[in-house]
Amino acid sequence: MNYFDIMDEMFNEFEEYKDIQKGKGIRGKLITIIDPNAQKLAAVVESIHLASLLHDDVIDEADTRRGAASINAKYGDHTAVMLGDIVYSRAFYELIDFGKDIAKTVSNAVYLLSQGELEDVKLSNSINLDKDKYMQMIYKKTASLIEAACAAGAISAGLDRNKFATYGKNIGIAFQIIDDLLDITQDEETLGKPSMHDYYEGKTTLPYIYLFEVLEEDDKEKLMNLYRKKLQKHEIEWIRNKMQEHGIIEKCYNEAKELIESAVNAIKIYNIPALEVIANKVIDRKF
């Protein structure tokens, strides 16, 4: 029985759960690669991630999740929040069985994840040009649970938790940087949402932070005026051209690539090819 089957057993009594789009289950996959016997632990961590997405969609007022109607769109915000609470609660109940070290590692990541969600909301209130604040936010919101999943898998397997935590943290941050880039470089058909939707939502992601650093004052003002605006085609092209002119996309990509190289090097002594494949897929994906 794999971790998705275990999740279904945990929550199938709830009709709404059956309509959740689960995705690829990367956190669970990482755990079971590190320790093939940790299917239940993988199910618990994936459940926590799932609960965070249910809440996230309410915060973002999202209508869809992975191409299908989101739970909040289909059943309402109250149901989505309560279902998220149910999934969180059951996951933490099951987490106790894995011992103090694993329970504290995973629960601390959920604490960080929640902080990251709040910081993301605050940073979206106005243009944020502070890279350190942005990197701290994406570490907490995106990377912390991946970091914890890898560390928990290592603890379960009796391996060096710090090496695997470094791997997880680095691929998590790199994943978000690539997401930042795809929002700019890909078209609406590929993304399933308008290009540069992050900027429209008030998210000043890493490429924009770097671009602001190098633009002339007139261009800075122009970019500032496009913040939270529904962009026209020529405005999208202007931003893309400026990104290309100043090498911003390449700079961000190289930063993500360095993180991936550090991730792979951290666990090299264990020779686990599947983890290297996952790491490389993070920077090679088009979406």
C-alpha atoms as a PDB file:
ATOM      1  CA  MET A   1       0.000   0.000   0.000  1.00  0.00           C
ATOM      2  CA  ASN A   2       1.517   3.358  -1.006  1.00  0.00           C
ATOM      3  CA  TYR A   3       1.123   6.646   0.826  1.00  0.00           C
ATOM      4  CA  PHE A   4      -1.711   7.888  -1.421  1.00  0.00           C
ATOM      5  CA  ASP A   5      -3.701   4.744  -0.563  1.00  0.00           C
ATOM      6  CA  ILE A   6      -3.057   5.353   3.128  1.00  0.00           C
ATOM      7  CA  MET A   7      -4.270   8.945   2.768  1.00  0.00           C
ATOM      8  CA  ASP A   8      -7.442   7.744   1.072  1.00  0.00           C
ATOM      9  CA  GLU A   9      -8.092   5.371   3.978  1.00  0.00           C
ATOM     10  CA  MET A  10      -7.592   8.214   6.441  1.00  0.00           C
ATOM     11  CA  PHE A  11     -10.026  10.648   4.806  1.00  0.00           C
ATOM     12  CA  ASN A  12     -12.340   8.832   2.407  1.00  0.00           C
ATOM     13  CA  GLU A  13     -15.301   9.153   4.779  1.00  0.00           C
ATOM     14  CA  PHE A  14     -15.393  12.851   3.816  1.00  0.00           C
ATOM     15  CA  GLU A  15     -17.133  13.319   0.477  1.00  0.00           C
ATOM     16  CA  GLU A  16     -15.316  16.576  -0.209  1.00  0.00           C
ATOM     17  CA  TYR A  17     -11.896  14.929   0.192  1.00  0.00           C
ATOM     18  CA  LYS A  18     -12.518  12.842  -2.929  1.00  0.00           C
ATOM     19  CA  ASP A  19     -12.596  16.056  -5.008  1.00  0.00           C
ATOM     20  CA  ILE A  20      -9.168  17.262  -3.848  1.00  0.00           C
ATOM     21  CA  GLN A  21      -6.516  17.341  -6.566  1.00  0.00           C
ATOM     22  CA  LYS A  22      -3.537  15.712  -4.850  1.00  0.00           C
ATOM     23  CA  GLY A  23      -0.747  16.414  -7.337  1.00  0.00           C
ATOM     24  CA  LYS A  24       2.568  14.566  -7.602  1.00  0.00           C
ATOM     25  CA  GLY A  25       3.148  14.020  -3.896  1.00  0.00           C
ATOM     26  CA  ILE A  26       6.788  15.081  -4.047  1.00  0.00           C
ATOM     27  CA  ARG A  27       7.253  15.264  -0.254  1.00  0.00           C
ATOM     28  CA  GLY A  28       5.950  11.753   0.215  1.00  0.00           C
ATOM     29  CA  LYS A  29       8.032  10.536  -2.703  1.00  0.00           C
ATOM     30  CA  LEU A  30      11.188  11.989  -1.155  1.00  0.00           C
ATOM     31  CA  ILE A  31      10.477  10.278   2.164  1.00  0.00           C
ATOM     32  CA  THR A  32       9.898   6.873   0.573  1.00  0.00           C
ATOM     33  CA  ILE A  33      13.030   7.154  -1.558  1.00  0.00           C
ATOM     34  CA  ILE A  34      15.079   7.850   1.580  1.00  0.00           C
ATOM     35  CA  ASP A  35      13.262   5.140   3.565  1.00  0.00           C
ATOM     36  CA  PRO A  36      11.095   2.764   1.490  1.00  0.00           C
ATOM     37  CA  ASN A  37       9.473   1.488   4.708  1.00  0.00           C
ATOM     38  CA  ALA A  38       8.137   4.920   5.684  1.00  0.00           C
ATOM     39  CA  GLN A  39       4.919   4.908   3.631  1.00  0.00           C
ATOM     40  CA  LYS A  40       2.773   5.950   6.624  1.00  0.00           C
ATOM     41  CA  LEU A  41       5.118   8.824   7.464  1.00  0.00           C
ATOM     42  CA  ALA A  42       4.935   9.923   3.830  1.00  0.00           C
ATOM     43  CA  ALA A  43       1.133   9.882   4.022  1.00  0.00           C
ATOM     44  CA  VAL A  44       1.191  12.052   7.145  1.00  0.00           C
ATOM     45  CA  VAL A  45       3.519  14.660   5.605  1.00  0.00           C
ATOM     46  CA  GLU A  46       1.549  14.713   2.346  1.00  0.00           C
ATOM     47  CA  SER A  47      -1.650  15.200   4.350  1.00  0.00           C
ATOM     48  CA  ILE A  48      -0.119  18.215   6.083  1.00  0.00           C
ATOM     49  CA  HIS A  49       0.864  19.673   2.725  1.00  0.00           C
ATOM     50  CA  LEU A  50      -2.643  19.018   1.402  1.00  0.00           C
ATOM     51  CA  ALA A  51      -4.214  20.806   4.370  1.00  0.00           C
ATOM     52  CA  SER A  52      -1.973  23.832   3.787  1.00  0.00           C
ATOM     53  CA  LEU A  53      -3.139  24.011   0.160  1.00  0.00           C
ATOM     54  CA  LEU A  54      -6.799  23.937   1.204  1.00  0.00           C
ATOM     55  CA  HIS A  55      -6.176  26.962   3.420  1.00  0.00           C
ATOM     56  CA  ASP A  56      -3.945  28.609   0.809  1.00  0.00           C
ATOM     57  CA  ASP A  57      -6.702  28.475  -1.825  1.00  0.00           C
ATOM     58  CA  VAL A  58      -9.081  30.248   0.552  1.00  0.00           C
ATOM     59  CA  ILE A  59      -6.512  32.975   1.256  1.00  0.00           C
ATOM     60  CA  ASP A  60      -5.806  33.399  -2.471  1.00  0.00           C
ATOM     61  CA  GLU A  61      -9.493  33.140  -3.410  1.00  0.00           C
ATOM     62  CA  ALA A  62      -8.442  30.515  -5.956  1.00  0.00           C
ATOM     63  CA  ASP A  63     -11.094  29.033  -8.227  1.00  0.00           C
ATOM     64  CA  THR A  64      -9.010  26.126  -9.478  1.00  0.00           C
ATOM     65  CA  ARG A  65      -6.369  23.726  -8.245  1.00  0.00           C
ATOM     66  CA  ARG A  66      -4.391  21.768 -10.851  1.00  0.00           C
ATOM     67  CA  GLY A  67      -6.955  22.384 -13.564  1.00  0.00           C
ATOM     68  CA  ALA A  68     -10.047  21.417 -11.529  1.00  0.00           C
ATOM     69  CA  ALA A  69     -12.400  23.409  -9.316  1.00  0.00           C
ATOM     70  CA  SER A  70     -10.818  24.107  -5.927  1.00  0.00           C
ATOM     71  CA  ILE A  71     -12.578  22.862  -2.802  1.00  0.00           C
ATOM     72  CA  ASN A  72     -13.416  26.419  -1.720  1.00  0.00           C
ATOM     73  CA  ALA A  73     -14.889  27.169  -5.159  1.00  0.00           C
ATOM     74  CA  LYS A  74     -16.980  24.004  -5.140  1.00  0.00           C
ATOM     75  CA  TYR A  75     -18.075  23.819  -1.489  1.00  0.00           C
ATOM     76  CA  GLY A  76     -17.355  27.271  -0.068  1.00  0.00           C
ATOM     77  CA  ASP A  77     -14.638  28.786   2.118  1.00  0.00           C
ATOM     78  CA  HIS A  78     -16.027  27.435   5.399  1.00  0.00           C
ATOM     79  CA  THR A  79     -15.964  23.847   4.165  1.00  0.00           C
ATOM     80  CA  ALA A  80     -12.454  24.244   2.727  1.00  0.00           C
ATOM     81  CA  VAL A  81     -11.101  25.666   6.000  1.00  0.00           C
ATOM     82  CA  MET A  82     -12.778  22.989   8.125  1.00  0.00           C
ATOM     83  CA  LEU A  83     -11.645  20.196   5.814  1.00  0.00           C
ATOM     84  CA  GLY A  84      -8.126  21.581   6.045  1.00  0.00           C
ATOM     85  CA  ASP A  85      -8.422  21.542   9.851  1.00  0.00           C
ATOM     86  CA  ILE A  86      -9.636  17.941   9.776  1.00  0.00           C
ATOM     87  CA  VAL A  87      -6.716  16.846   7.603  1.00  0.00           C
ATOM     88  CA  TYR A  88      -4.208  18.747   9.766  1.00  0.00           C
ATOM     89  CA  SER A  89      -5.643  17.307  12.978  1.00  0.00           C
ATOM     90  CA  ARG A  90      -5.614  13.693  11.792  1.00  0.00           C
ATOM     91  CA  ALA A  91      -2.094  14.092  10.426  1.00  0.00           C
ATOM     92  CA  PHE A  92      -0.804  15.374  13.775  1.00  0.00           C
ATOM     93  CA  TYR A  93      -2.621  12.578  15.600  1.00  0.00           C
ATOM     94  CA  GLU A  94      -0.805  10.013  13.428  1.00  0.00           C
ATOM     95  CA  LEU A  95       2.503  11.909  13.667  1.00  0.00           C
ATOM     96  CA  ILE A  96       2.806  11.157  17.392  1.00  0.00           C
ATOM     97  CA  ASP A  97       3.469   7.483  16.595  1.00  0.00           C
ATOM     98  CA  PHE A  98       6.777   8.272  14.876  1.00  0.00           C
ATOM     99  CA  GLY A  99       8.535   9.477  17.998  1.00  0.00           C
ATOM    100  CA  LYS A 100       9.661  12.797  19.397  1.00  0.00           C
ATOM    101  CA  ASP A 101      12.425  13.636  16.886  1.00  0.00           C
ATOM    102  CA  ILE A 102      10.290  13.146  13.784  1.00  0.00           C
ATOM    103  CA  ALA A 103       7.199  14.728  15.363  1.00  0.00           C
ATOM    104  CA  LYS A 104       9.130  17.860  16.378  1.00  0.00           C
ATOM    105  CA  THR A 105      10.882  18.089  13.001  1.00  0.00           C
ATOM    106  CA  VAL A 106       7.627  17.984  11.031  1.00  0.00           C
ATOM    107  CA  SER A 107       5.536  20.087  13.422  1.00  0.00           C
ATOM    108  CA  ASN A 108       8.201  22.822  13.472  1.00  0.00           C
ATOM    109  CA  ALA A 109       8.040  22.926   9.674  1.00  0.00           C
ATOM    110  CA  VAL A 110       4.277  23.474   9.863  1.00  0.00           C
ATOM    111  CA  TYR A 111       4.910  26.347  12.273  1.00  0.00           C
ATOM    112  CA  LEU A 112       7.403  27.831   9.783  1.00  0.00           C
ATOM    113  CA  LEU A 113       5.039  27.209   6.865  1.00  0.00           C
ATOM    114  CA  SER A 114       2.284  29.135   8.634  1.00  0.00           C
ATOM    115  CA  GLN A 115       4.665  31.999   9.329  1.00  0.00           C
ATOM    116  CA  GLY A 116       5.626  31.998   5.662  1.00  0.00           C
ATOM    117  CA  GLU A 117       2.003  32.229   4.593  1.00  0.00           C
ATOM    118  CA  LEU A 118       1.508  35.256   6.835  1.00  0.00           C
ATOM    119  CA  GLU A 119       4.736  36.888   5.645  1.00  0.00           C
ATOM    120  CA  ASP A 120       3.650  36.332   2.024  1.00  0.00           C
ATOM    121  CA  VAL A 121       0.389  38.180   2.705  1.00  0.00           C
ATOM    122  CA  LYS A 122       2.236  41.050   4.394  1.00  0.00           C
ATOM    123  CA  LEU A 123       4.880  41.330   1.654  1.00  0.00           C
ATOM    124  CA  SER A 124       2.110  41.527  -0.960  1.00  0.00           C
ATOM    125  CA  ASN A 125       0.658  44.686   0.559  1.00  0.00           C
ATOM    126  CA  SER A 126       3.252  46.831  -1.208  1.00  0.00           C
ATOM    127  CA  ILE A 127       6.279  46.415  -3.462  1.00  0.00           C
ATOM    128  CA  ASN A 128       8.967  44.513  -1.580  1.00  0.00           C
ATOM    129  CA  LEU A 129      12.528  45.071  -2.802  1.00  0.00           C
ATOM    130  CA  ASP A 130      14.246  43.333   0.102  1.00  0.00           C
ATOM    131  CA  LYS A 131      15.737  40.072  -1.173  1.00  0.00           C
ATOM    132  CA  ASP A 132      16.453  38.756   2.341  1.00  0.00           C
ATOM    133  CA  LYS A 133      12.805  39.130   3.355  1.00  0.00           C
ATOM    134  CA  TYR A 134      11.664  37.393   0.187  1.00  0.00           C
ATOM    135  CA  MET A 135      14.132  34.499   0.548  1.00  0.00           C
ATOM    136  CA  GLN A 136      13.146  34.034   4.184  1.00  0.00           C
ATOM    137  CA  MET A 137       9.479  33.922   3.185  1.00  0.00           C
ATOM    138  CA  ILE A 138       9.934  31.314   0.423  1.00  0.00           C
ATOM    139  CA  TYR A 139      12.108  29.201   2.709  1.00  0.00           C
ATOM    140  CA  LYS A 140       9.336  29.106   5.299  1.00  0.00           C
ATOM    141  CA  LYS A 141       6.376  28.840   2.934  1.00  0.00           C
ATOM    142  CA  THR A 142       7.767  26.403   0.360  1.00  0.00           C
ATOM    143  CA  ALA A 143      11.042  24.844   1.441  1.00  0.00           C
ATOM    144  CA  SER A 144      10.568  24.192   5.162  1.00  0.00           C
ATOM    145  CA  LEU A 145       8.191  21.234   4.758  1.00  0.00           C
ATOM    146  CA  ILE A 146      10.354  19.695   2.007  1.00  0.00           C
ATOM    147  CA  GLU A 147      13.364  20.128   4.300  1.00  0.00           C
ATOM    148  CA  ALA A 148      11.464  18.473   7.164  1.00  0.00           C
ATOM    149  CA  ALA A 149      10.233  15.611   4.956  1.00  0.00           C
ATOM    150  CA  CYS A 150      13.794  14.752   3.958  1.00  0.00           C
ATOM    151  CA  ALA A 151      15.088  15.098   7.523  1.00  0.00           C
ATOM    152  CA  ALA A 152      12.246  12.918   8.865  1.00  0.00           C
ATOM    153  CA  GLY A 153      12.924  10.284   6.203  1.00  0.00           C
ATOM    154  CA  ALA A 154      16.587  10.279   7.201  1.00  0.00           C
ATOM    155  CA  ILE A 155      15.759   9.913  10.900  1.00  0.00           C
ATOM    156  CA  SER A 156      13.437   7.023  10.064  1.00  0.00           C
ATOM    157  CA  ALA A 157      16.169   5.327   8.006  1.00  0.00           C
ATOM    158  CA  GLY A 158      18.963   6.017  10.518  1.00  0.00           C
ATOM    159  CA  LEU A 159      20.841   8.375   8.177  1.00  0.00           C
ATOM    160  CA  ASP A 160      22.371  11.832   8.697  1.00  0.00           C
ATOM    161  CA  ARG A 161      19.364  14.125   9.108  1.00  0.00           C
ATOM    162  CA  ASN A 162      21.397  17.297   8.538  1.00  0.00           C
ATOM    163  CA  LYS A 163      22.662  16.227   5.124  1.00  0.00           C
ATOM    164  CA  PHE A 164      19.160  15.325   3.950  1.00  0.00           C
ATOM    165  CA  ALA A 165      17.694  18.488   5.483  1.00  0.00           C
ATOM    166  CA  THR A 166      20.188  20.527   3.440  1.00  0.00           C
ATOM    167  CA  TYR A 167      19.128  18.634   0.324  1.00  0.00           C
ATOM    168  CA  GLY A 168      15.438  19.295   0.996  1.00  0.00           C
ATOM    169  CA  LYS A 169      15.878  22.966   1.880  1.00  0.00           C
ATOM    170  CA  ASN A 170      17.912  23.690  -1.247  1.00  0.00           C
ATOM    171  CA  ILE A 171      15.606  21.946  -3.708  1.00  0.00           C
ATOM    172  CA  GLY A 172      12.618  23.660  -2.055  1.00  0.00           C
ATOM    173  CA  ILE A 173      14.065  27.144  -2.498  1.00  0.00           C
ATOM    174  CA  ALA A 174      15.244  26.333  -6.031  1.00  0.00           C
ATOM    175  CA  PHE A 175      11.749  25.067  -6.885  1.00  0.00           C
ATOM    176  CA  GLN A 176      10.217  28.402  -5.878  1.00  0.00           C
ATOM    177  CA  ILE A 177      12.816  30.420  -7.822  1.00  0.00           C
ATOM    178  CA  ILE A 178      12.013  28.400 -10.947  1.00  0.00           C
ATOM    179  CA  ASP A 179       8.305  29.008 -10.276  1.00  0.00           C
ATOM    180  CA  ASP A 180       9.094  32.741 -10.162  1.00  0.00           C
ATOM    181  CA  LEU A 181      10.768  32.475 -13.565  1.00  0.00           C
ATOM    182  CA  LEU A 182       8.033  30.409 -15.193  1.00  0.00           C
ATOM    183  CA  ASP A 183       5.456  33.024 -14.211  1.00  0.00           C
ATOM    184  CA  ILE A 184       7.428  35.471 -16.357  1.00  0.00           C
ATOM    185  CA  THR A 185       8.727  33.341 -19.230  1.00  0.00           C
ATOM    186  CA  GLN A 186       5.765  31.074 -20.004  1.00  0.00           C
ATOM    187  CA  ASP A 187       2.515  31.935 -21.766  1.00  0.00           C
ATOM    188  CA  GLU A 188      -1.007  31.765 -20.368  1.00  0.00           C
ATOM    189  CA  GLU A 189      -1.814  28.466 -22.087  1.00  0.00           C
ATOM    190  CA  THR A 190       1.162  26.752 -20.451  1.00  0.00           C
ATOM    191  CA  LEU A 191       0.660  28.315 -17.027  1.00  0.00           C
ATOM    192  CA  GLY A 192      -3.110  27.948 -16.845  1.00  0.00           C
ATOM    193  CA  LYS A 193      -3.250  31.576 -15.688  1.00  0.00           C
ATOM    194  CA  PRO A 194      -2.151  34.920 -17.181  1.00  0.00           C
ATOM    195  CA  SER A 195       1.576  35.534 -17.533  1.00  0.00           C
ATOM    196  CA  MET A 196       3.095  37.630 -14.744  1.00  0.00           C
ATOM    197  CA  HIS A 197       0.131  36.904 -12.510  1.00  0.00           C
ATOM    198  CA  ASP A 198       2.434  37.053  -9.476  1.00  0.00           C
ATOM    199  CA  TYR A 199       3.098  40.752 -10.045  1.00  0.00           C
ATOM    200  CA  TYR A 200      -0.607  41.400 -10.541  1.00  0.00           C
ATOM    201  CA  GLU A 201      -1.277  39.690  -7.177  1.00  0.00           C
ATOM    202  CA  GLY A 202       1.278  41.926  -5.466  1.00  0.00           C
ATOM    203  CA  LYS A 203       4.072  39.357  -5.281  1.00  0.00           C
ATOM    204  CA  THR A 204       7.423  41.024  -5.999  1.00  0.00           C
ATOM    205  CA  THR A 205       9.350  37.833  -6.700  1.00  0.00           C
ATOM    206  CA  LEU A 206      13.117  37.424  -7.055  1.00  0.00           C
ATOM    207  CA  PRO A 207      13.354  38.394 -10.761  1.00  0.00           C
ATOM    208  CA  TYR A 208      11.523  41.677 -10.096  1.00  0.00           C
ATOM    209  CA  ILE A 209      13.728  42.423  -7.083  1.00  0.00           C
ATOM    210  CA  TYR A 210      16.841  41.962  -9.224  1.00  0.00           C
ATOM    211  CA  LEU A 211      15.345  43.982 -12.077  1.00  0.00           C
ATOM    212  CA  PHE A 212      14.571  46.942  -9.825  1.00  0.00           C
ATOM    213  CA  GLU A 213      18.223  46.958  -8.732  1.00  0.00           C
ATOM    214  CA  VAL A 214      19.534  47.610 -12.268  1.00  0.00           C
ATOM    215  CA  LEU A 215      16.867  49.734 -13.977  1.00  0.00           C
ATOM    216  CA  GLU A 216      17.268  53.428 -14.676  1.00  0.00           C
ATOM    217  CA  GLU A 217      14.962  55.701 -12.654  1.00  0.00           C
ATOM    218  CA  ASP A 218      12.436  56.203 -15.484  1.00  0.00           C
ATOM    219  CA  ASP A 219      12.152  52.467 -16.039  1.00  0.00           C
ATOM    220  CA  LYS A 220      11.880  51.835 -12.292  1.00  0.00           C
ATOM    221  CA  GLU A 221       8.949  54.220 -12.175  1.00  0.00           C
ATOM    222  CA  LYS A 222       7.339  52.503 -15.156  1.00  0.00           C
ATOM    223  CA  LEU A 223       7.721  49.079 -13.539  1.00  0.00           C
ATOM    224  CA  MET A 224       6.353  50.477 -10.277  1.00  0.00           C
ATOM    225  CA  ASN A 225       3.262  51.757 -12.136  1.00  0.00           C
ATOM    226  CA  LEU A 226       2.597  48.257 -13.492  1.00  0.00           C
ATOM    227  CA  TYR A 227       2.437  46.768  -9.986  1.00  0.00           C
ATOM    228  CA  ARG A 228      -0.921  45.075  -9.281  1.00  0.00           C
ATOM    229  CA  LYS A 229      -2.113  46.060 -12.758  1.00  0.00           C
ATOM    230  CA  LYS A 230      -3.742  43.699 -15.251  1.00  0.00           C
ATOM    231  CA  LEU A 231      -0.975  43.779 -17.826  1.00  0.00           C
ATOM    232  CA  GLN A 232      -1.492  44.346 -21.523  1.00  0.00           C
ATOM    233  CA  LYS A 233       0.459  42.305 -24.054  1.00  0.00           C
ATOM    234  CA  HIS A 234       2.900  45.136 -24.817  1.00  0.00           C
ATOM    235  CA  GLU A 235       3.536  45.649 -21.082  1.00  0.00           C
ATOM    236  CA  ILE A 236       4.310  41.976 -20.628  1.00  0.00           C
ATOM    237  CA  GLU A 237       6.720  42.137 -23.545  1.00  0.00           C
ATOM    238  CA  TRP A 238       8.386  45.261 -22.108  1.00  0.00           C
ATOM    239  CA  ILE A 239       9.051  43.494 -18.791  1.00  0.00           C
ATOM    240  CA  ARG A 240      10.348  40.373 -20.566  1.00  0.00           C
ATOM    241  CA  ASN A 241      12.651  42.475 -22.751  1.00  0.00           C
ATOM    242  CA  LYS A 242      14.047  44.296 -19.714  1.00  0.00           C
ATOM    243  CA  MET A 243      14.597  40.972 -17.943  1.00  0.00           C
ATOM    244  CA  GLN A 244      16.479  39.693 -20.988  1.00  0.00           C
ATOM    245  CA  GLU A 245      18.446  42.925 -21.490  1.00  0.00           C
ATOM    246  CA  HIS A 246      19.805  42.783 -17.936  1.00  0.00           C
ATOM    247  CA  GLY A 247      20.296  39.019 -17.754  1.00  0.00           C
ATOM    248  CA  ILE A 248      17.823  38.634 -14.905  1.00  0.00           C
ATOM    249  CA  ILE A 249      16.343  35.288 -15.989  1.00  0.00           C
ATOM    250  CA  GLU A 250      19.806  33.768 -16.360  1.00  0.00           C
ATOM    251  CA  LYS A 251      20.896  35.180 -13.008  1.00  0.00           C
ATOM    252  CA  CYS A 252      17.922  33.636 -11.178  1.00  0.00           C
ATOM    253  CA  TYR A 253      18.295  30.342 -13.040  1.00  0.00           C
ATOM    254  CA  ASN A 254      21.980  30.144 -12.099  1.00  0.00           C
ATOM    255  CA  GLU A 255      21.094  30.824  -8.472  1.00  0.00           C
ATOM    256  CA  ALA A 256      18.612  27.947  -8.543  1.00  0.00           C
ATOM    257  CA  LYS A 257      21.180  25.727 -10.271  1.00  0.00           C
ATOM    258  CA  GLU A 258      23.768  26.419  -7.560  1.00  0.00           C
ATOM    259  CA  LEU A 259      21.222  25.435  -4.917  1.00  0.00           C
ATOM    260  CA  ILE A 260      20.549  22.162  -6.749  1.00  0.00           C
ATOM    261  CA  GLU A 261      24.263  21.404  -7.009  1.00  0.00           C
ATOM    262  CA  SER A 262      24.659  22.013  -3.264  1.00  0.00           C
ATOM    263  CA  ALA A 263      21.651  19.784  -2.582  1.00  0.00           C
ATOM    264  CA  VAL A 264      23.089  16.897  -4.586  1.00  0.00           C
ATOM    265  CA  ASN A 265      26.541  17.315  -3.032  1.00  0.00           C
ATOM    266  CA  ALA A 266      25.084  17.226   0.492  1.00  0.00           C
ATOM    267  CA  ILE A 267      23.922  13.612   0.066  1.00  0.00           C
ATOM    268  CA  LYS A 268      26.476  12.403  -2.483  1.00  0.00           C
ATOM    269  CA  ILE A 269      28.032   9.897  -0.069  1.00  0.00           C
ATOM    270  CA  TYR A 270      24.744   7.966   0.017  1.00  0.00           C
ATOM    271  CA  ASN A 271      24.587   7.471  -3.773  1.00  0.00           C
ATOM    272  CA  ILE A 272      20.791   7.665  -4.212  1.00  0.00           C
ATOM    273  CA  PRO A 273      20.284   8.327  -7.959  1.00  0.00           C
ATOM    274  CA  ALA A 274      16.523   8.934  -7.615  1.00  0.00           C
ATOM    275  CA  LEU A 275      17.140  11.976  -5.400  1.00  0.00           C
ATOM    276  CA  GLU A 276      19.578  13.405  -7.941  1.00  0.00           C
ATOM    277  CA  VAL A 277      16.983  12.906 -10.688  1.00  0.00           C
ATOM    278  CA  ILE A 278      14.341  14.785  -8.664  1.00  0.00           C
ATOM    279  CA  ALA A 279      16.776  17.617  -7.942  1.00  0.00           C
ATOM    280  CA  ASN A 280      17.641  18.038 -11.611  1.00  0.00           C
ATOM    281  CA  LYS A 281      13.983  17.967 -12.633  1.00  0.00           C
ATOM    282  CA  VAL A 282      13.395  21.024 -10.437  1.00  0.00           C
ATOM    283  CA  ILE A 283      15.489  23.237 -12.726  1.00  0.00           C
ATOM    284  CA  ASP A 284      14.735  21.451 -15.993  1.00  0.00           C
ATOM    285  CA  ARG A 285      10.955  21.770 -15.857  1.00  0.00           C
ATOM    286  CA  LYS A 286       9.087  24.061 -18.212  1.00  0.00           C
ATOM    287  CA  PHE A 287       6.067  24.035 -15.897  1.00  0.00           C
END
